[in-house]
């Protein structure tokens, strides 16, 4: 992604917004790495190689989680919405609609 992550002039954006943009980019990069490992693991026949890839993918999950938590601390309304969706039984879509509707305004 490089420096194309900004849609507005970077020098006009506050530092907090630039940090946010970097962390969003990092989250996407971690998700991409998780996907690459998932595909590699799916076709790898060598057990040792597969074990190494699974270990590396777990590391990417950790980084993804850390990036997400950082962003949720920057955007408390996101955390409110996700708490209404994640780790619940039932319809994901219904939970998401309810969570969005009940989220406080920023």
C-alpha atoms as a PDB file:
ATOM      1  CA  UNK A   1       0.000   0.000   0.000  1.00  0.00           C
ATOM      2  CA  UNK A   2       2.879   2.369   0.707  1.00  0.00           C
ATOM      3  CA  UNK A   3       2.062   6.031   0.913  1.00  0.00           C
ATOM      4  CA  UNK A   4      -1.064   5.713  -1.223  1.00  0.00           C
ATOM      5  CA  UNK A   5      -3.034   5.067   1.969  1.00  0.00           C
ATOM      6  CA  UNK A   6      -4.129   8.697   2.176  1.00  0.00           C
ATOM      7  CA  UNK A   7      -7.040  10.133   0.226  1.00  0.00           C
ATOM      8  CA  UNK A   8      -6.381  13.613   1.540  1.00  0.00           C
ATOM      9  CA  UNK A   9      -3.050  15.486   1.619  1.00  0.00           C
ATOM     10  CA  UNK A  10      -1.019  13.794   4.354  1.00  0.00           C
ATOM     11  CA  UNK A  11       0.518  17.065   5.520  1.00  0.00           C
ATOM     12  CA  UNK A  12      -2.979  18.389   6.246  1.00  0.00           C
ATOM     13  CA  UNK A  13      -4.055  15.377   8.287  1.00  0.00           C
ATOM     14  CA  UNK A  14      -3.592  15.362  12.053  1.00  0.00           C
ATOM     15  CA  UNK A  15      -1.077  12.886  13.482  1.00  0.00           C
ATOM     16  CA  UNK A  16      -3.905  10.829  15.038  1.00  0.00           C
ATOM     17  CA  UNK A  17      -5.475  10.367  11.594  1.00  0.00           C
ATOM     18  CA  UNK A  18      -2.148   9.388  10.038  1.00  0.00           C
ATOM     19  CA  UNK A  19      -1.598   6.816  12.805  1.00  0.00           C
ATOM     20  CA  UNK A  20      -5.116   5.521  12.191  1.00  0.00           C
ATOM     21  CA  UNK A  21      -4.377   5.164   8.460  1.00  0.00           C
ATOM     22  CA  UNK A  22      -1.145   3.279   9.176  1.00  0.00           C
ATOM     23  CA  UNK A  23      -2.904   0.884  11.524  1.00  0.00           C
ATOM     24  CA  UNK A  24      -5.746   0.274   9.040  1.00  0.00           C
ATOM     25  CA  UNK A  25      -3.093  -0.524   6.418  1.00  0.00           C
ATOM     26  CA  UNK A  26      -1.334  -2.848   8.858  1.00  0.00           C
ATOM     27  CA  UNK A  27      -4.606  -4.632   9.659  1.00  0.00           C
ATOM     28  CA  UNK A  28      -5.168  -5.239   5.948  1.00  0.00           C
ATOM     29  CA  UNK A  29      -1.637  -6.504   5.468  1.00  0.00           C
ATOM     30  CA  UNK A  30      -2.022  -8.946   8.366  1.00  0.00           C
ATOM     31  CA  UNK A  31      -5.325 -10.193   6.937  1.00  0.00           C
ATOM     32  CA  UNK A  32      -3.652 -10.675   3.573  1.00  0.00           C
ATOM     33  CA  UNK A  33      -0.809 -12.661   5.170  1.00  0.00           C
ATOM     34  CA  UNK A  34      -3.316 -14.848   7.043  1.00  0.00           C
ATOM     35  CA  UNK A  35      -5.035 -15.564   3.731  1.00  0.00           C
ATOM     36  CA  UNK A  36      -1.767 -16.420   1.985  1.00  0.00           C
ATOM     37  CA  UNK A  37      -0.868 -18.887   4.738  1.00  0.00           C
ATOM     38  CA  UNK A  38      -4.364 -20.398   4.633  1.00  0.00           C
ATOM     39  CA  UNK A  39      -3.960 -21.111   0.927  1.00  0.00           C
ATOM     40  CA  UNK A  40      -0.433 -22.474   1.315  1.00  0.00           C
ATOM     41  CA  UNK A  41      -1.469 -24.708   4.211  1.00  0.00           C
ATOM     42  CA  UNK A  42      -4.406 -26.049   2.192  1.00  0.00           C
ATOM     43  CA  UNK A  43      -2.147 -27.423  -0.540  1.00  0.00           C
ATOM     44  CA  UNK A  44       1.088 -28.209   1.328  1.00  0.00           C
ATOM     45  CA  UNK A  45       1.777 -31.957   1.522  1.00  0.00           C
ATOM     46  CA  UNK A  46       4.936 -31.874   3.621  1.00  0.00           C
ATOM     47  CA  UNK A  47       3.923 -32.124   7.307  1.00  0.00           C
ATOM     48  CA  UNK A  48       6.920 -30.194   8.598  1.00  0.00           C
ATOM     49  CA  UNK A  49       6.439 -27.364   6.128  1.00  0.00           C
ATOM     50  CA  UNK A  50       2.719 -27.271   6.949  1.00  0.00           C
ATOM     51  CA  UNK A  51       3.456 -27.094  10.689  1.00  0.00           C
ATOM     52  CA  UNK A  52       5.838 -24.183  10.148  1.00  0.00           C
ATOM     53  CA  UNK A  53       3.237 -22.361   8.053  1.00  0.00           C
ATOM     54  CA  UNK A  54       0.544 -22.928  10.692  1.00  0.00           C
ATOM     55  CA  UNK A  55       2.863 -21.509  13.332  1.00  0.00           C
ATOM     56  CA  UNK A  56       3.582 -18.469  11.161  1.00  0.00           C
ATOM     57  CA  UNK A  57      -0.131 -17.968  10.515  1.00  0.00           C
ATOM     58  CA  UNK A  58      -0.807 -17.912  14.275  1.00  0.00           C
ATOM     59  CA  UNK A  59       1.736 -15.118  14.552  1.00  0.00           C
ATOM     60  CA  UNK A  60      -0.168 -13.184  11.886  1.00  0.00           C
ATOM     61  CA  UNK A  61      -3.420 -13.729  13.820  1.00  0.00           C
ATOM     62  CA  UNK A  62      -1.755 -12.217  16.868  1.00  0.00           C
ATOM     63  CA  UNK A  63      -0.647  -9.164  14.896  1.00  0.00           C
ATOM     64  CA  UNK A  64      -4.128  -8.828  13.365  1.00  0.00           C
ATOM     65  CA  UNK A  65      -5.675  -8.930  16.828  1.00  0.00           C
ATOM     66  CA  UNK A  66      -3.269  -6.325  18.188  1.00  0.00           C
ATOM     67  CA  UNK A  67      -3.938  -4.004  15.246  1.00  0.00           C
ATOM     68  CA  UNK A  68      -7.687  -4.438  15.656  1.00  0.00           C
ATOM     69  CA  UNK A  69      -7.573  -3.778  19.398  1.00  0.00           C
ATOM     70  CA  UNK A  70      -5.532  -0.615  18.821  1.00  0.00           C
ATOM     71  CA  UNK A  71      -8.118   0.622  16.318  1.00  0.00           C
ATOM     72  CA  UNK A  72     -10.998  -0.246  18.636  1.00  0.00           C
ATOM     73  CA  UNK A  73      -9.392   1.826  21.363  1.00  0.00           C
ATOM     74  CA  UNK A  74      -9.172   4.730  18.932  1.00  0.00           C
ATOM     75  CA  UNK A  75     -12.810   4.258  17.855  1.00  0.00           C
ATOM     76  CA  UNK A  76     -14.903   3.221  20.883  1.00  0.00           C
ATOM     77  CA  UNK A  77     -18.091   3.100  18.796  1.00  0.00           C
ATOM     78  CA  UNK A  78     -16.497   0.335  16.717  1.00  0.00           C
ATOM     79  CA  UNK A  79     -15.878  -1.619  19.906  1.00  0.00           C
ATOM     80  CA  UNK A  80     -19.522  -1.137  20.930  1.00  0.00           C
ATOM     81  CA  UNK A  81     -20.693  -2.452  17.570  1.00  0.00           C
ATOM     82  CA  UNK A  82     -18.340  -5.442  17.584  1.00  0.00           C
ATOM     83  CA  UNK A  83     -19.358  -6.367  21.128  1.00  0.00           C
ATOM     84  CA  UNK A  84     -22.895  -6.658  19.807  1.00  0.00           C
ATOM     85  CA  UNK A  85     -21.811  -9.024  17.029  1.00  0.00           C
ATOM     86  CA  UNK A  86     -18.886 -11.181  18.108  1.00  0.00           C
ATOM     87  CA  UNK A  87     -19.047 -14.423  20.093  1.00  0.00           C
ATOM     88  CA  UNK A  88     -22.843 -14.648  20.009  1.00  0.00           C
ATOM     89  CA  UNK A  89     -25.020 -17.513  18.867  1.00  0.00           C
ATOM     90  CA  UNK A  90     -27.713 -16.869  16.303  1.00  0.00           C
ATOM     91  CA  UNK A  91     -27.888 -14.689  13.235  1.00  0.00           C
ATOM     92  CA  UNK A  92     -24.735 -12.708  12.581  1.00  0.00           C
ATOM     93  CA  UNK A  93     -26.702 -10.318  10.366  1.00  0.00           C
ATOM     94  CA  UNK A  94     -29.390  -9.712  12.995  1.00  0.00           C
ATOM     95  CA  UNK A  95     -26.761  -9.085  15.685  1.00  0.00           C
ATOM     96  CA  UNK A  96     -24.940  -6.692  13.353  1.00  0.00           C
ATOM     97  CA  UNK A  97     -28.102  -4.752  12.547  1.00  0.00           C
ATOM     98  CA  UNK A  98     -28.990  -4.471  16.244  1.00  0.00           C
ATOM     99  CA  UNK A  99     -25.456  -3.470  17.207  1.00  0.00           C
ATOM    100  CA  UNK A 100     -25.284  -0.767  14.567  1.00  0.00           C
ATOM    101  CA  UNK A 101     -28.700   0.584  15.466  1.00  0.00           C
ATOM    102  CA  UNK A 102     -27.889   0.711  19.184  1.00  0.00           C
ATOM    103  CA  UNK A 103     -24.374   2.130  18.809  1.00  0.00           C
ATOM    104  CA  UNK A 104     -23.862   5.594  20.264  1.00  0.00           C
ATOM    105  CA  UNK A 105     -23.042   8.444  17.936  1.00  0.00           C
ATOM    106  CA  UNK A 106     -19.394   9.383  17.884  1.00  0.00           C
END
